[in-house]
Amino acid sequence: MTNKGQLLQDPFLNTLRRERVPVSIYLV
């Protein structure tokens, strides 16, 4: 994986995690 790819993916994954946590709490 290239450095540029990591820089793009990291914020994306962080956003996904932030989005998924409230959704998980909501589902539970």
N, C-alpha and C. Protein backbone atom coordinates (compact mmCIF):
# COMPACT_ATOMS: atom_id res chain seq x y z
N MET A 1 0.85 -1.20 0.00
CA MET A 1 0.00 0.00 0.00
C MET A 1 0.88 1.25 0.00
N THR A 2 0.56 2.20 -0.83
CA THR A 2 1.36 3.40 -0.91
C THR A 2 1.00 4.36 0.21
N ASN A 3 1.91 5.31 0.45
CA ASN A 3 1.67 6.28 1.50
C ASN A 3 0.43 7.11 1.20
N LYS A 4 0.27 7.48 -0.08
CA LYS A 4 -0.88 8.29 -0.47
C LYS A 4 -2.18 7.53 -0.22
N GLY A 5 -2.17 6.24 -0.54
CA GLY A 5 -3.36 5.43 -0.32
C GLY A 5 -3.72 5.37 1.15
N GLN A 6 -2.69 5.29 2.00
CA GLN A 6 -2.95 5.23 3.44
C GLN A 6 -3.56 6.54 3.93
N LEU A 7 -3.02 7.64 3.43
CA LEU A 7 -3.53 8.94 3.86
C LEU A 7 -4.99 9.11 3.48
N LEU A 8 -5.34 8.57 2.30
CA LEU A 8 -6.73 8.67 1.86
C LEU A 8 -7.63 7.72 2.64
N GLN A 9 -7.08 6.54 2.94
CA GLN A 9 -7.91 5.51 3.56
C GLN A 9 -8.14 5.78 5.05
N ASP A 10 -7.12 6.34 5.72
CA ASP A 10 -7.21 6.53 7.17
C ASP A 10 -8.41 7.39 7.58
N PRO A 11 -8.56 8.60 7.03
CA PRO A 11 -9.72 9.42 7.40
C PRO A 11 -11.03 8.73 7.02
N PHE A 12 -11.00 8.01 5.91
CA PHE A 12 -12.20 7.31 5.45
C PHE A 12 -12.61 6.25 6.46
N LEU A 13 -11.61 5.46 6.93
CA LEU A 13 -11.89 4.41 7.91
C LEU A 13 -12.32 5.03 9.24
N ASN A 14 -11.69 6.14 9.60
CA ASN A 14 -12.07 6.82 10.84
C ASN A 14 -13.52 7.28 10.78
N THR A 15 -13.91 7.80 9.63
CA THR A 15 -15.29 8.24 9.45
C THR A 15 -16.24 7.06 9.55
N LEU A 16 -15.87 5.95 8.92
CA LEU A 16 -16.70 4.76 8.97
C LEU A 16 -16.89 4.31 10.42
N ARG A 17 -15.80 4.31 11.17
CA ARG A 17 -15.90 3.88 12.57
C ARG A 17 -16.81 4.81 13.35
N ARG A 18 -16.66 6.11 13.10
CA ARG A 18 -17.50 7.07 13.83
C ARG A 18 -18.96 6.90 13.45
N GLU A 19 -19.20 6.58 12.19
CA GLU A 19 -20.58 6.38 11.74
C GLU A 19 -21.15 5.08 12.29
N ARG A 20 -20.31 4.06 12.39
CA ARG A 20 -20.80 2.74 12.78
C ARG A 20 -21.12 2.67 14.26
N VAL A 21 -20.40 3.40 15.09
CA VAL A 21 -20.62 3.31 16.54
C VAL A 21 -22.04 3.75 16.91
N PRO A 22 -22.49 4.94 16.48
CA PRO A 22 -23.88 5.34 16.80
C PRO A 22 -24.90 4.37 16.21
N VAL A 23 -24.62 3.85 15.04
CA VAL A 23 -25.54 2.90 14.40
C VAL A 23 -25.64 1.63 15.23
N SER A 24 -24.49 1.15 15.72
CA SER A 24 -24.49 -0.06 16.55
C SER A 24 -25.28 0.18 17.83
N ILE A 25 -25.08 1.33 18.45
CA ILE A 25 -25.80 1.65 19.68
C ILE A 25 -27.30 1.73 19.39
N TYR A 26 -27.63 2.32 18.25
CA TYR A 26 -29.03 2.48 17.87
C TYR A 26 -29.68 1.11 17.65
N LEU A 27 -28.95 0.21 17.00
CA LEU A 27 -29.50 -1.12 16.73
C LEU A 27 -29.66 -1.90 18.03
N VAL A 28 -28.74 -1.71 18.95
CA VAL A 28 -28.83 -2.44 20.22
C VAL A 28 -29.93 -1.81 21.05
